[in-house]
């Protein structure tokens, strides 16, 4: 029974994965990578316009012209805003796990013994910064 329904409504069957990706997967990734709220808002706007344009192209009989794209885009923003906002917030909450782990590893390395002479010699050729905890102020970083 379900298989026949899917074949009769391919727009829904193919549109549902697109909506799930647009409303959950991409905002979750944006939050995970630490994107700004402005970037998230721009993503919402672009995704809504693309979804509305696909709807106008897919069902041209329901829309009198391209002028109907703006109201349909506003409806798409409303349909995307809540689930995308929740996914973005969840991604932002769990996203910077790697940075927190790096800070913990940095603190554990500094609490151990001092660097050996070979490590100090290696620092001459290594241009990457050593582990510097983020809690240090500018006054503590200045020499003497």
C-alpha atoms as a PDB file:
ATOM      1  CA  UNK A   1       0.000   0.000   0.000  1.00  0.00           C
ATOM      2  CA  UNK A   2       2.740   2.466   0.978  1.00  0.00           C
ATOM      3  CA  UNK A   3       4.748   1.733  -2.169  1.00  0.00           C
ATOM      4  CA  UNK A   4       1.869   2.743  -4.429  1.00  0.00           C
ATOM      5  CA  UNK A   5       1.373   5.980  -2.497  1.00  0.00           C
ATOM      6  CA  UNK A   6       5.044   6.916  -2.906  1.00  0.00           C
ATOM      7  CA  UNK A   7       4.883   6.311  -6.646  1.00  0.00           C
ATOM      8  CA  UNK A   8       1.822   8.563  -6.912  1.00  0.00           C
ATOM      9  CA  UNK A   9       3.468  11.395  -4.924  1.00  0.00           C
ATOM     10  CA  UNK A  10       7.135  11.530  -5.994  1.00  0.00           C
ATOM     11  CA  UNK A  11       7.362  15.218  -5.094  1.00  0.00           C
ATOM     12  CA  UNK A  12       6.712  14.432  -1.455  1.00  0.00           C
ATOM     13  CA  UNK A  13       8.917  11.338  -1.461  1.00  0.00           C
ATOM     14  CA  UNK A  14      11.833  13.241  -2.991  1.00  0.00           C
ATOM     15  CA  UNK A  15      11.130  16.533  -1.222  1.00  0.00           C
ATOM     16  CA  UNK A  16      11.137  15.077   2.290  1.00  0.00           C
ATOM     17  CA  UNK A  17      14.876  14.204   2.292  1.00  0.00           C
ATOM     18  CA  UNK A  18      15.659  17.644   0.874  1.00  0.00           C
ATOM     19  CA  UNK A  19      13.627  19.319   3.631  1.00  0.00           C
ATOM     20  CA  UNK A  20      15.269  17.182   6.338  1.00  0.00           C
ATOM     21  CA  UNK A  21      18.717  18.099   5.040  1.00  0.00           C
ATOM     22  CA  UNK A  22      17.797  21.781   4.805  1.00  0.00           C
ATOM     23  CA  UNK A  23      16.114  21.921   8.207  1.00  0.00           C
ATOM     24  CA  UNK A  24      18.337  19.619  10.277  1.00  0.00           C
ATOM     25  CA  UNK A  25      21.581  18.402   8.706  1.00  0.00           C
ATOM     26  CA  UNK A  26      22.990  21.639   7.278  1.00  0.00           C
ATOM     27  CA  UNK A  27      22.108  23.855  10.287  1.00  0.00           C
ATOM     28  CA  UNK A  28      23.549  21.213  12.618  1.00  0.00           C
ATOM     29  CA  UNK A  29      26.784  21.346  10.632  1.00  0.00           C
ATOM     30  CA  UNK A  30      26.797  25.146  10.688  1.00  0.00           C
ATOM     31  CA  UNK A  31      26.438  25.136  14.460  1.00  0.00           C
ATOM     32  CA  UNK A  32      29.052  22.403  14.822  1.00  0.00           C
ATOM     33  CA  UNK A  33      31.630  24.382  12.869  1.00  0.00           C
ATOM     34  CA  UNK A  34      30.974  27.543  14.873  1.00  0.00           C
ATOM     35  CA  UNK A  35      29.317  29.681  12.204  1.00  0.00           C
ATOM     36  CA  UNK A  36      27.974  33.059  13.286  1.00  0.00           C
ATOM     37  CA  UNK A  37      24.298  33.885  13.665  1.00  0.00           C
ATOM     38  CA  UNK A  38      24.575  36.137  10.621  1.00  0.00           C
ATOM     39  CA  UNK A  39      25.826  33.199   8.528  1.00  0.00           C
ATOM     40  CA  UNK A  40      22.966  31.074   9.857  1.00  0.00           C
ATOM     41  CA  UNK A  41      20.428  33.773   8.949  1.00  0.00           C
ATOM     42  CA  UNK A  42      21.913  34.037   5.460  1.00  0.00           C
ATOM     43  CA  UNK A  43      21.686  30.254   5.125  1.00  0.00           C
ATOM     44  CA  UNK A  44      18.014  30.331   6.148  1.00  0.00           C
ATOM     45  CA  UNK A  45      17.247  33.016   3.590  1.00  0.00           C
ATOM     46  CA  UNK A  46      19.038  31.242   0.740  1.00  0.00           C
ATOM     47  CA  UNK A  47      17.516  27.853   1.622  1.00  0.00           C
ATOM     48  CA  UNK A  48      14.010  29.331   1.775  1.00  0.00           C
ATOM     49  CA  UNK A  49      14.358  31.039  -1.603  1.00  0.00           C
ATOM     50  CA  UNK A  50      15.705  27.848  -3.188  1.00  0.00           C
ATOM     51  CA  UNK A  51      12.901  25.730  -1.716  1.00  0.00           C
ATOM     52  CA  UNK A  52      10.300  28.238  -2.914  1.00  0.00           C
ATOM     53  CA  UNK A  53      11.847  28.411  -6.396  1.00  0.00           C
ATOM     54  CA  UNK A  54      11.825  24.613  -6.619  1.00  0.00           C
ATOM     55  CA  UNK A  55       8.154  24.638  -5.615  1.00  0.00           C
ATOM     56  CA  UNK A  56       7.301  27.224  -8.267  1.00  0.00           C
ATOM     57  CA  UNK A  57       9.210  25.263 -10.914  1.00  0.00           C
ATOM     58  CA  UNK A  58       7.740  21.941  -9.820  1.00  0.00           C
ATOM     59  CA  UNK A  59       4.119  23.098  -9.729  1.00  0.00           C
ATOM     60  CA  UNK A  60       3.807  26.090 -12.059  1.00  0.00           C
ATOM     61  CA  UNK A  61       0.013  25.817 -12.234  1.00  0.00           C
ATOM     62  CA  UNK A  62      -0.355  26.809  -8.583  1.00  0.00           C
ATOM     63  CA  UNK A  63       1.585  30.065  -8.972  1.00  0.00           C
ATOM     64  CA  UNK A  64       0.605  32.885 -11.324  1.00  0.00           C
ATOM     65  CA  UNK A  65       4.227  33.944 -11.890  1.00  0.00           C
ATOM     66  CA  UNK A  66       7.586  34.580 -10.325  1.00  0.00           C
ATOM     67  CA  UNK A  67       6.033  37.340  -8.228  1.00  0.00           C
ATOM     68  CA  UNK A  68       4.599  34.635  -6.001  1.00  0.00           C
ATOM     69  CA  UNK A  69       8.145  33.619  -5.061  1.00  0.00           C
ATOM     70  CA  UNK A  70       8.422  36.224  -2.275  1.00  0.00           C
ATOM     71  CA  UNK A  71       5.360  35.143  -0.254  1.00  0.00           C
ATOM     72  CA  UNK A  72       6.262  31.504  -0.776  1.00  0.00           C
ATOM     73  CA  UNK A  73       9.813  32.254   0.440  1.00  0.00           C
ATOM     74  CA  UNK A  74       8.412  33.783   3.634  1.00  0.00           C
ATOM     75  CA  UNK A  75       6.380  30.620   4.220  1.00  0.00           C
ATOM     76  CA  UNK A  76       9.504  28.532   3.597  1.00  0.00           C
ATOM     77  CA  UNK A  77      11.435  30.602   6.147  1.00  0.00           C
ATOM     78  CA  UNK A  78       8.697  29.953   8.691  1.00  0.00           C
ATOM     79  CA  UNK A  79       8.777  26.225   7.936  1.00  0.00           C
ATOM     80  CA  UNK A  80      12.569  26.093   8.275  1.00  0.00           C
ATOM     81  CA  UNK A  81      13.200  28.511  11.141  1.00  0.00           C
ATOM     82  CA  UNK A  82      12.221  26.430  14.176  1.00  0.00           C
ATOM     83  CA  UNK A  83      13.803  23.055  13.309  1.00  0.00           C
ATOM     84  CA  UNK A  84      16.864  24.732  11.794  1.00  0.00           C
ATOM     85  CA  UNK A  85      17.273  26.986  14.816  1.00  0.00           C
ATOM     86  CA  UNK A  86      17.113  24.018  17.172  1.00  0.00           C
ATOM     87  CA  UNK A  87      19.606  22.055  15.067  1.00  0.00           C
ATOM     88  CA  UNK A  88      21.946  25.070  14.891  1.00  0.00           C
ATOM     89  CA  UNK A  89      21.777  25.523  18.675  1.00  0.00           C
ATOM     90  CA  UNK A  90      22.433  21.819  19.243  1.00  0.00           C
ATOM     91  CA  UNK A  91      25.401  21.913  16.884  1.00  0.00           C
ATOM     92  CA  UNK A  92      26.804  24.992  18.594  1.00  0.00           C
ATOM     93  CA  UNK A  93      26.376  23.317  21.972  1.00  0.00           C
ATOM     94  CA  UNK A  94      28.245  20.124  21.119  1.00  0.00           C
ATOM     95  CA  UNK A  95      30.466  21.479  18.363  1.00  0.00           C
ATOM     96  CA  UNK A  96      33.581  22.881  19.987  1.00  0.00           C
ATOM     97  CA  UNK A  97      34.342  19.591  21.762  1.00  0.00           C
ATOM     98  CA  UNK A  98      37.677  19.339  19.964  1.00  0.00           C
ATOM     99  CA  UNK A  99      38.804  22.756  21.239  1.00  0.00           C
ATOM    100  CA  UNK A 100      37.900  21.862  24.825  1.00  0.00           C
ATOM    101  CA  UNK A 101      39.822  18.604  24.526  1.00  0.00           C
ATOM    102  CA  UNK A 102      42.835  20.468  23.122  1.00  0.00           C
ATOM    103  CA  UNK A 103      42.754  22.822  26.114  1.00  0.00           C
ATOM    104  CA  UNK A 104      42.631  19.896  28.530  1.00  0.00           C
ATOM    105  CA  UNK A 105      45.534  18.146  26.780  1.00  0.00           C
ATOM    106  CA  UNK A 106      47.480  21.408  26.841  1.00  0.00           C
ATOM    107  CA  UNK A 107      46.975  21.790  30.573  1.00  0.00           C
ATOM    108  CA  UNK A 108      47.977  18.176  31.191  1.00  0.00           C
ATOM    109  CA  UNK A 109      51.173  18.640  29.166  1.00  0.00           C
ATOM    110  CA  UNK A 110      52.121  21.768  31.099  1.00  0.00           C
ATOM    111  CA  UNK A 111      51.486  20.153  34.470  1.00  0.00           C
ATOM    112  CA  UNK A 112      54.045  17.440  33.663  1.00  0.00           C
ATOM    113  CA  UNK A 113      57.810  17.760  33.722  1.00  0.00           C
ATOM    114  CA  UNK A 114      59.638  20.476  31.815  1.00  0.00           C
ATOM    115  CA  UNK A 115      60.658  19.964  28.216  1.00  0.00           C
ATOM    116  CA  UNK A 116      63.748  17.983  27.437  1.00  0.00           C
ATOM    117  CA  UNK A 117      66.684  19.514  25.587  1.00  0.00           C
ATOM    118  CA  UNK A 118      65.708  17.711  22.384  1.00  0.00           C
ATOM    119  CA  UNK A 119      62.245  19.258  22.527  1.00  0.00           C
ATOM    120  CA  UNK A 120      63.740  22.711  23.065  1.00  0.00           C
ATOM    121  CA  UNK A 121      66.047  22.208  20.075  1.00  0.00           C
ATOM    122  CA  UNK A 122      63.106  21.086  17.981  1.00  0.00           C
ATOM    123  CA  UNK A 123      61.308  24.343  18.800  1.00  0.00           C
ATOM    124  CA  UNK A 124      63.957  26.253  16.844  1.00  0.00           C
ATOM    125  CA  UNK A 125      62.758  24.679  13.575  1.00  0.00           C
ATOM    126  CA  UNK A 126      59.093  24.264  14.466  1.00  0.00           C
ATOM    127  CA  UNK A 127      57.168  27.405  13.518  1.00  0.00           C
ATOM    128  CA  UNK A 128      53.843  26.281  14.990  1.00  0.00           C
ATOM    129  CA  UNK A 129      52.965  27.663  18.374  1.00  0.00           C
ATOM    130  CA  UNK A 130      53.383  25.457  21.393  1.00  0.00           C
ATOM    131  CA  UNK A 131      50.482  24.751  23.633  1.00  0.00           C
ATOM    132  CA  UNK A 132      49.417  28.099  25.129  1.00  0.00           C
ATOM    133  CA  UNK A 133      46.421  27.997  27.457  1.00  0.00           C
ATOM    134  CA  UNK A 134      43.715  30.520  26.646  1.00  0.00           C
ATOM    135  CA  UNK A 135      43.499  31.670  30.241  1.00  0.00           C
ATOM    136  CA  UNK A 136      46.758  33.647  30.002  1.00  0.00           C
ATOM    137  CA  UNK A 137      46.386  37.389  29.821  1.00  0.00           C
ATOM    138  CA  UNK A 138      48.488  39.691  27.641  1.00  0.00           C
ATOM    139  CA  UNK A 139      50.568  40.806  30.620  1.00  0.00           C
ATOM    140  CA  UNK A 140      51.693  37.242  31.277  1.00  0.00           C
ATOM    141  CA  UNK A 141      52.746  36.779  27.658  1.00  0.00           C
ATOM    142  CA  UNK A 142      55.069  39.799  27.517  1.00  0.00           C
ATOM    143  CA  UNK A 143      58.734  39.102  28.244  1.00  0.00           C
ATOM    144  CA  UNK A 144      60.359  40.388  31.429  1.00  0.00           C
END
